[in-house]
């Protein structure tokens, strides 16, 4: 379906990015991971320019924001819509009632109105078949209801927080949340280039570079049913193939076989010479890793297809067709791997 996505920038920031290693977020990659089966026509990013305020300990905040907006502008189908961001010093009463203190009060003006206006205009103009709003702001209840009930168009609410606003949930077609695993793999490269020149991630947002991270796994295929074995990882609920790290002096193939046996209970399979490589970057505890997964292709033994999952690490499993595999697998890179594996195994 043709998709228009409306992102409440500050709601996204305070919901899942502030004080995290994921602030250099590529919103295009994020949206692709969240909606892999839809055509993302337009991403509208709503924000308000931050202004430096006297006595603010962090005078570089406006500059970091502009660098980030510069990165967003490199996305061909993204548009930035700006409202107003007011920062001023006000006197507020102490919680213990003992007088007043001076605090910096930040007020965002216009973002919710801008999102509502663009959402309703685009819907009436027939620009999308489905809308997505990334926000947890209950002020958007009315325009969301109008799109769903008045214009009969599906609309999904994605919450940046660890819960969905109940009012938005009640009027939306569907709701989703943003998991840290998706943020991990949805980062801009640290060094970028646009029509003006080169620029880099702000120093305060940089993470420590880690060593290369290698894993080895198995794409197990049942030739009789033409189905793949997928597992659901308990740690972050993503669907993929059995895989893991080497132990002691194992060979790559020995690691893959052990992981298959430990995670699924399957120890008999015909391993082929074909391998597929998956590469991506992720962040953990403010350390960036370059991940490389080598998948060995194996044909399931008809006498050994009963799965016994490792319950501490695996929450579920499924034997699935290629269509189901592409739909169920969480990450885009792994979807591409299974397509290539199926072509190799059936031709």
Protein backbone atom coordinates (compact mmCIF):
# COMPACT_ATOMS: atom_id res chain seq x y z
CA UNK A 1 0.00 0.00 0.00
CA UNK A 2 1.11 3.57 -0.67
CA UNK A 3 2.16 5.05 2.65
CA UNK A 4 2.51 8.59 4.00
CA UNK A 5 4.32 8.80 7.35
CA UNK A 6 3.99 11.75 9.75
CA UNK A 7 6.69 11.96 12.45
CA UNK A 8 6.39 14.12 15.56
CA UNK A 9 10.11 14.84 15.88
CA UNK A 10 10.22 15.99 19.50
CA UNK A 11 7.84 13.25 20.65
CA UNK A 12 10.10 10.72 18.95
CA UNK A 13 13.19 12.27 20.54
CA UNK A 14 11.87 12.34 24.10
CA UNK A 15 10.16 8.98 23.72
CA UNK A 16 13.08 6.80 22.68
CA UNK A 17 16.15 8.82 21.61
CA UNK A 18 17.07 11.24 24.40
CA UNK A 19 20.20 10.13 26.32
CA UNK A 20 20.44 7.04 24.09
CA UNK A 21 23.12 6.03 21.54
CA UNK A 22 20.48 6.11 18.78
CA UNK A 23 20.06 9.85 18.21
CA UNK A 24 21.73 9.80 14.77
CA UNK A 25 18.56 8.06 13.56
CA UNK A 26 17.91 7.46 9.88
CA UNK A 27 14.13 7.88 9.79
CA UNK A 28 13.92 6.36 6.31
CA UNK A 29 15.52 3.11 7.47
CA UNK A 30 13.39 3.12 10.61
CA UNK A 31 10.20 3.41 8.56
CA UNK A 32 11.36 0.69 6.15
CA UNK A 33 11.92 -1.71 9.04
CA UNK A 34 8.57 -0.85 10.63
CA UNK A 35 6.63 -1.21 7.35
CA UNK A 36 8.64 -3.54 5.08
CA UNK A 37 5.70 -4.55 2.90
CA UNK A 38 4.43 -1.07 2.03
CA UNK A 39 5.57 1.55 -0.47
CA UNK A 40 6.72 4.57 1.52
CA UNK A 41 5.88 7.51 -0.73
CA UNK A 42 6.52 10.37 1.69
CA UNK A 43 7.96 10.95 5.16
CA UNK A 44 7.00 14.23 6.80
CA UNK A 45 9.13 15.17 9.80
CA UNK A 46 7.62 17.81 12.10
CA UNK A 47 9.85 19.69 14.51
CA UNK A 48 10.61 23.12 15.92
CA UNK A 49 13.99 24.91 15.84
CA UNK A 50 15.70 24.95 19.22
CA UNK A 51 17.08 28.31 20.35
CA UNK A 52 19.98 28.89 22.69
CA UNK A 53 18.90 30.25 26.06
CA UNK A 54 21.05 32.24 28.44
CA UNK A 55 22.21 30.20 31.45
CA UNK A 56 21.58 26.92 29.59
CA UNK A 57 24.52 24.61 30.33
CA UNK A 58 24.25 23.08 26.85
CA UNK A 59 24.63 25.91 24.34
CA UNK A 60 25.35 23.50 21.46
CA UNK A 61 21.87 21.95 21.32
CA UNK A 62 20.63 24.16 18.44
CA UNK A 63 23.72 23.33 16.38
CA UNK A 64 23.29 19.57 16.91
CA UNK A 65 19.67 19.82 15.83
CA UNK A 66 20.60 21.63 12.61
CA UNK A 67 23.21 19.00 11.79
CA UNK A 68 20.60 16.31 12.28
CA UNK A 69 18.08 18.12 10.08
CA UNK A 70 20.80 18.37 7.45
CA UNK A 71 21.11 14.58 7.57
CA UNK A 72 17.36 14.16 7.16
CA UNK A 73 17.41 16.41 4.10
CA UNK A 74 19.60 13.84 2.33
CA UNK A 75 16.57 11.49 2.30
CA UNK A 76 14.91 11.97 -1.09
CA UNK A 77 11.30 11.39 0.02
CA UNK A 78 11.52 13.25 3.33
CA UNK A 79 10.17 16.74 4.06
CA UNK A 80 10.79 18.83 7.18
CA UNK A 81 7.95 21.01 8.49
CA UNK A 82 8.90 23.44 11.25
CA UNK A 83 6.83 25.00 13.98
CA UNK A 84 8.08 27.13 16.89
CA UNK A 85 10.07 26.17 19.96
CA UNK A 86 10.00 28.68 22.80
CA UNK A 87 12.53 28.55 25.61
CA UNK A 88 12.47 31.05 28.43
CA UNK A 89 13.31 31.33 32.11
CA UNK A 90 10.35 31.33 34.46
CA UNK A 91 9.90 31.37 38.23
CA UNK A 92 8.27 28.21 39.58
CA UNK A 93 7.34 27.17 43.10
CA UNK A 94 9.49 24.52 44.80
CA UNK A 95 7.85 21.15 45.49
CA UNK A 96 8.42 21.63 49.23
CA UNK A 97 6.69 25.02 49.12
CA UNK A 98 9.83 26.91 50.22
CA UNK A 99 9.85 29.79 47.78
CA UNK A 100 10.50 30.00 44.05
CA UNK A 101 13.29 28.82 41.73
CA UNK A 102 14.28 29.88 38.21
CA UNK A 103 13.89 27.13 35.58
CA UNK A 104 14.20 26.95 31.81
CA UNK A 105 10.75 26.19 30.37
CA UNK A 106 10.58 24.75 26.87
CA UNK A 107 7.34 25.01 24.94
CA UNK A 108 6.75 23.59 21.50
CA UNK A 109 4.19 25.46 19.44
CA UNK A 110 2.48 24.41 16.22
CA UNK A 111 3.65 20.83 15.70
CA UNK A 112 0.37 19.10 16.55
CA UNK A 113 -1.58 21.58 14.41
CA UNK A 114 0.85 21.09 11.51
CA UNK A 115 0.60 17.30 11.71
CA UNK A 116 -3.20 17.43 11.81
CA UNK A 117 -3.37 19.87 8.90
CA UNK A 118 -1.03 17.90 6.65
CA UNK A 119 -2.64 14.57 7.55
CA UNK A 120 -6.17 15.76 6.70
CA UNK A 121 -5.12 17.67 3.56
CA UNK A 122 -3.16 14.70 2.18
CA UNK A 123 -6.01 12.32 2.98
CA UNK A 124 -8.60 14.48 1.21
CA UNK A 125 -6.25 14.84 -1.77
CA UNK A 126 -5.99 11.05 -2.06
CA UNK A 127 -2.20 11.05 -1.75
CA UNK A 128 -1.98 7.84 0.28
CA UNK A 129 -3.70 4.50 0.78
CA UNK A 130 -2.57 4.25 4.39
CA UNK A 131 -1.21 6.76 6.90
CA UNK A 132 1.20 6.34 9.79
CA UNK A 133 1.63 8.80 12.66
CA UNK A 134 4.71 8.38 14.83
CA UNK A 135 3.67 10.13 18.02
CA UNK A 136 2.02 9.48 21.37
CA UNK A 137 0.36 12.91 21.59
CA UNK A 138 -3.33 12.65 22.48
CA UNK A 139 -3.94 16.04 20.79
CA UNK A 140 -3.95 14.07 17.51
CA UNK A 141 -7.00 11.97 18.43
CA UNK A 142 -9.48 14.04 16.42
CA UNK A 143 -7.60 14.13 13.07
CA UNK A 144 -6.78 10.42 13.40
CA UNK A 145 -10.46 9.63 13.96
CA UNK A 146 -11.45 11.79 10.97
CA UNK A 147 -9.08 9.90 8.67
CA UNK A 148 -10.23 6.48 9.85
CA UNK A 149 -13.96 7.02 10.32
CA UNK A 150 -14.73 9.95 8.04
CA UNK A 151 -12.48 9.15 5.09
CA UNK A 152 -12.40 5.36 5.62
CA UNK A 153 -8.60 5.18 5.35
CA UNK A 154 -6.44 2.94 7.56
CA UNK A 155 -4.10 4.73 9.95
CA UNK A 156 -1.44 3.24 12.21
CA UNK A 157 -0.11 4.94 15.34
CA UNK A 158 3.51 4.18 16.27
CA UNK A 159 4.39 5.14 19.83
CA UNK A 160 7.97 6.24 20.59
CA UNK A 161 7.28 5.48 24.26
CA UNK A 162 7.03 2.08 25.94
CA UNK A 163 3.23 2.30 25.89
CA UNK A 164 0.54 3.46 23.49
CA UNK A 165 -1.67 6.38 24.49
CA UNK A 166 -5.05 4.78 25.19
CA UNK A 167 -7.00 7.56 23.44
CA UNK A 168 -4.96 7.22 20.24
CA UNK A 169 -5.11 3.45 20.46
CA UNK A 170 -8.91 3.56 20.58
CA UNK A 171 -9.24 5.58 17.36
CA UNK A 172 -6.40 4.08 15.27
CA UNK A 173 -6.66 1.14 12.88
CA UNK A 174 -3.48 -0.39 14.30
CA UNK A 175 -0.80 0.50 16.82
CA UNK A 176 2.90 -0.29 17.04
CA UNK A 177 5.89 0.52 19.23
CA UNK A 178 9.54 1.18 18.40
CA UNK A 179 11.99 -1.37 19.78
CA UNK A 180 15.62 -0.60 20.54
CA UNK A 181 16.75 -3.35 18.16
CA UNK A 182 15.23 -1.47 15.23
CA UNK A 183 16.83 1.80 16.39
CA UNK A 184 20.17 -0.04 16.54
CA UNK A 185 20.15 -0.85 12.83
CA UNK A 186 18.56 2.40 11.65
CA UNK A 187 21.48 4.80 12.05
CA UNK A 188 22.99 7.23 9.55
CA UNK A 189 26.66 6.63 8.70
CA UNK A 190 28.91 8.76 10.95
CA UNK A 191 30.28 10.77 8.00
CA UNK A 192 27.90 12.13 5.37
CA UNK A 193 27.87 14.33 2.28
CA UNK A 194 25.24 16.59 0.71
CA UNK A 195 25.22 19.28 -2.00
CA UNK A 196 26.96 21.72 0.37
CA UNK A 197 29.79 19.42 1.43
CA UNK A 198 30.73 16.89 4.09
CA UNK A 199 29.45 16.76 7.65
CA UNK A 200 29.53 14.31 10.56
CA UNK A 201 27.53 13.11 13.51
CA UNK A 202 27.77 15.63 16.41
CA UNK A 203 30.59 14.78 18.80
CA UNK A 204 28.23 14.41 21.76
CA UNK A 205 26.28 11.75 19.87
CA UNK A 206 29.27 9.68 18.86
CA UNK A 207 29.63 6.18 20.27
CA UNK A 208 32.79 4.22 20.92
CA UNK A 209 33.72 1.98 18.02
CA UNK A 210 33.76 -1.68 18.95
CA UNK A 211 35.41 -4.67 17.35
CA UNK A 212 33.94 -6.71 14.53
CA UNK A 213 31.18 -9.07 15.64
CA UNK A 214 30.86 -12.44 13.88
CA UNK A 215 28.05 -15.00 14.08
CA UNK A 216 27.30 -18.21 12.22
CA UNK A 217 23.90 -19.66 11.51
CA UNK A 218 21.84 -22.11 9.48
CA UNK A 219 19.17 -21.64 6.82
CA UNK A 220 17.34 -24.94 7.22
CA UNK A 221 15.05 -25.94 4.32
CA UNK A 222 12.55 -28.79 4.16
CA UNK A 223 12.54 -29.86 0.50
CA UNK A 224 9.37 -31.92 0.83
CA UNK A 225 7.20 -29.04 2.05
CA UNK A 226 9.43 -26.28 0.60
CA UNK A 227 9.50 -24.56 3.98
CA UNK A 228 12.14 -22.75 6.05
CA UNK A 229 12.63 -23.04 9.81
CA UNK A 230 12.40 -19.68 11.57
CA UNK A 231 12.86 -18.94 15.26
CA UNK A 232 11.70 -16.03 17.40
CA UNK A 233 14.44 -14.69 19.69
CA UNK A 234 13.24 -14.10 23.25
CA UNK A 235 15.52 -11.10 23.88
CA UNK A 236 13.94 -8.73 21.37
CA UNK A 237 11.17 -10.80 19.72
CA UNK A 238 12.66 -10.72 16.23
CA UNK A 239 12.21 -13.58 13.75
CA UNK A 240 15.29 -14.97 12.01
CA UNK A 241 17.35 -18.14 11.55
CA UNK A 242 19.27 -20.04 14.27
CA UNK A 243 22.66 -18.41 14.79
CA UNK A 244 25.28 -17.55 17.42
CA UNK A 245 28.91 -16.87 18.30
CA UNK A 246 31.85 -19.25 18.19
CA UNK A 247 32.99 -21.06 21.32
CA UNK A 248 36.55 -22.16 22.06
CA UNK A 249 38.26 -23.31 18.84
CA UNK A 250 35.19 -24.25 16.81
CA UNK A 251 35.22 -23.93 13.05
CA UNK A 252 32.57 -21.73 11.43
CA UNK A 253 30.53 -24.76 10.37
CA UNK A 254 30.82 -26.39 13.79
CA UNK A 255 29.43 -23.23 15.38
CA UNK A 256 26.48 -23.16 12.99
CA UNK A 257 25.68 -26.85 13.63
CA UNK A 258 25.90 -26.41 17.42
CA UNK A 259 23.63 -23.36 17.37
CA UNK A 260 21.08 -25.26 15.26
CA UNK A 261 21.14 -28.15 17.72
CA UNK A 262 21.02 -25.98 20.87
CA UNK A 263 18.29 -23.61 19.69
CA UNK A 264 16.04 -26.10 17.84
CA UNK A 265 17.07 -29.60 18.96
CA UNK A 266 17.75 -30.59 15.33
CA UNK A 267 21.11 -32.30 14.81
CA UNK A 268 20.69 -34.09 11.47
CA UNK A 269 20.79 -32.12 8.23
CA UNK A 270 22.56 -32.17 4.88
CA UNK A 271 24.81 -29.12 4.71
CA UNK A 272 25.44 -27.71 1.24
CA UNK A 273 28.43 -25.73 0.02
CA UNK A 274 26.42 -22.53 -0.47
CA UNK A 275 26.71 -19.72 2.09
CA UNK A 276 25.06 -16.34 2.44
CA UNK A 277 26.58 -13.32 4.21
CA UNK A 278 24.56 -10.72 6.12
CA UNK A 279 26.25 -7.48 7.25
CA UNK A 280 24.89 -4.63 9.31
CA UNK A 281 25.81 -2.14 12.04
CA UNK A 282 24.28 -2.02 15.50
CA UNK A 283 24.85 -0.19 18.77
CA UNK A 284 24.80 -1.54 22.31
CA UNK A 285 25.78 0.28 25.51
CA UNK A 286 27.12 3.21 23.45
CA UNK A 287 29.45 0.94 21.49
CA UNK A 288 29.02 0.50 17.73
CA UNK A 289 29.59 -2.91 16.21
CA UNK A 290 30.00 -4.07 12.63
CA UNK A 291 28.05 -7.32 12.52
CA UNK A 292 28.68 -10.11 10.02
CA UNK A 293 26.56 -13.27 9.96
CA UNK A 294 27.54 -16.25 7.79
CA UNK A 295 24.59 -18.53 7.06
CA UNK A 296 25.18 -22.12 5.97
CA UNK A 297 22.44 -23.66 3.83
CA UNK A 298 21.18 -27.09 4.92
CA UNK A 299 18.49 -29.55 3.83
CA UNK A 300 16.39 -30.94 6.67
CA UNK A 301 16.44 -34.69 7.32
CA UNK A 302 12.80 -35.93 7.03
CA UNK A 303 13.38 -38.02 10.17
CA UNK A 304 14.61 -35.06 12.24
CA UNK A 305 12.18 -32.13 11.83
CA UNK A 306 10.61 -32.07 15.31
CA UNK A 307 11.74 -28.82 16.91
CA UNK A 308 12.58 -28.58 20.61
CA UNK A 309 13.38 -24.94 21.29
CA UNK A 310 15.91 -23.61 23.79
CA UNK A 311 13.37 -21.81 25.95
CA UNK A 312 15.79 -19.38 27.63
CA UNK A 313 16.75 -17.84 24.29
CA UNK A 314 13.98 -18.83 21.86
CA UNK A 315 10.31 -18.06 22.46
CA UNK A 316 8.76 -19.67 19.38
CA UNK A 317 9.42 -21.31 16.00
CA UNK A 318 7.65 -21.93 12.69
CA UNK A 319 8.15 -23.91 9.49
CA UNK A 320 7.10 -21.36 6.85
CA UNK A 321 6.79 -20.94 3.08
CA UNK A 322 8.92 -18.37 1.27
CA UNK A 323 5.97 -15.94 1.30
CA UNK A 324 5.45 -16.40 5.02
CA UNK A 325 9.20 -16.12 5.66
CA UNK A 326 9.47 -12.75 3.89
CA UNK A 327 6.43 -11.50 5.81
CA UNK A 328 7.52 -12.83 9.21
CA UNK A 329 11.27 -12.11 9.24
CA UNK A 330 11.89 -8.87 11.09
CA UNK A 331 14.87 -7.29 9.37
CA UNK A 332 15.19 -6.22 5.76
CA UNK A 333 18.67 -7.73 5.29
CA UNK A 334 17.45 -11.15 6.42
CA UNK A 335 14.42 -10.94 4.10
CA UNK A 336 16.82 -10.46 1.18
CA UNK A 337 18.87 -13.46 2.34
CA UNK A 338 15.86 -15.80 2.43
CA UNK A 339 14.76 -14.72 -1.06
CA UNK A 340 18.21 -15.53 -2.43
CA UNK A 341 18.29 -18.83 -0.55
CA UNK A 342 14.92 -19.88 -1.93
CA UNK A 343 15.99 -19.09 -5.50
CA UNK A 344 19.15 -21.13 -4.99
CA UNK A 345 17.30 -24.10 -3.45
CA UNK A 346 14.48 -24.30 -6.02
CA UNK A 347 16.33 -23.69 -9.28
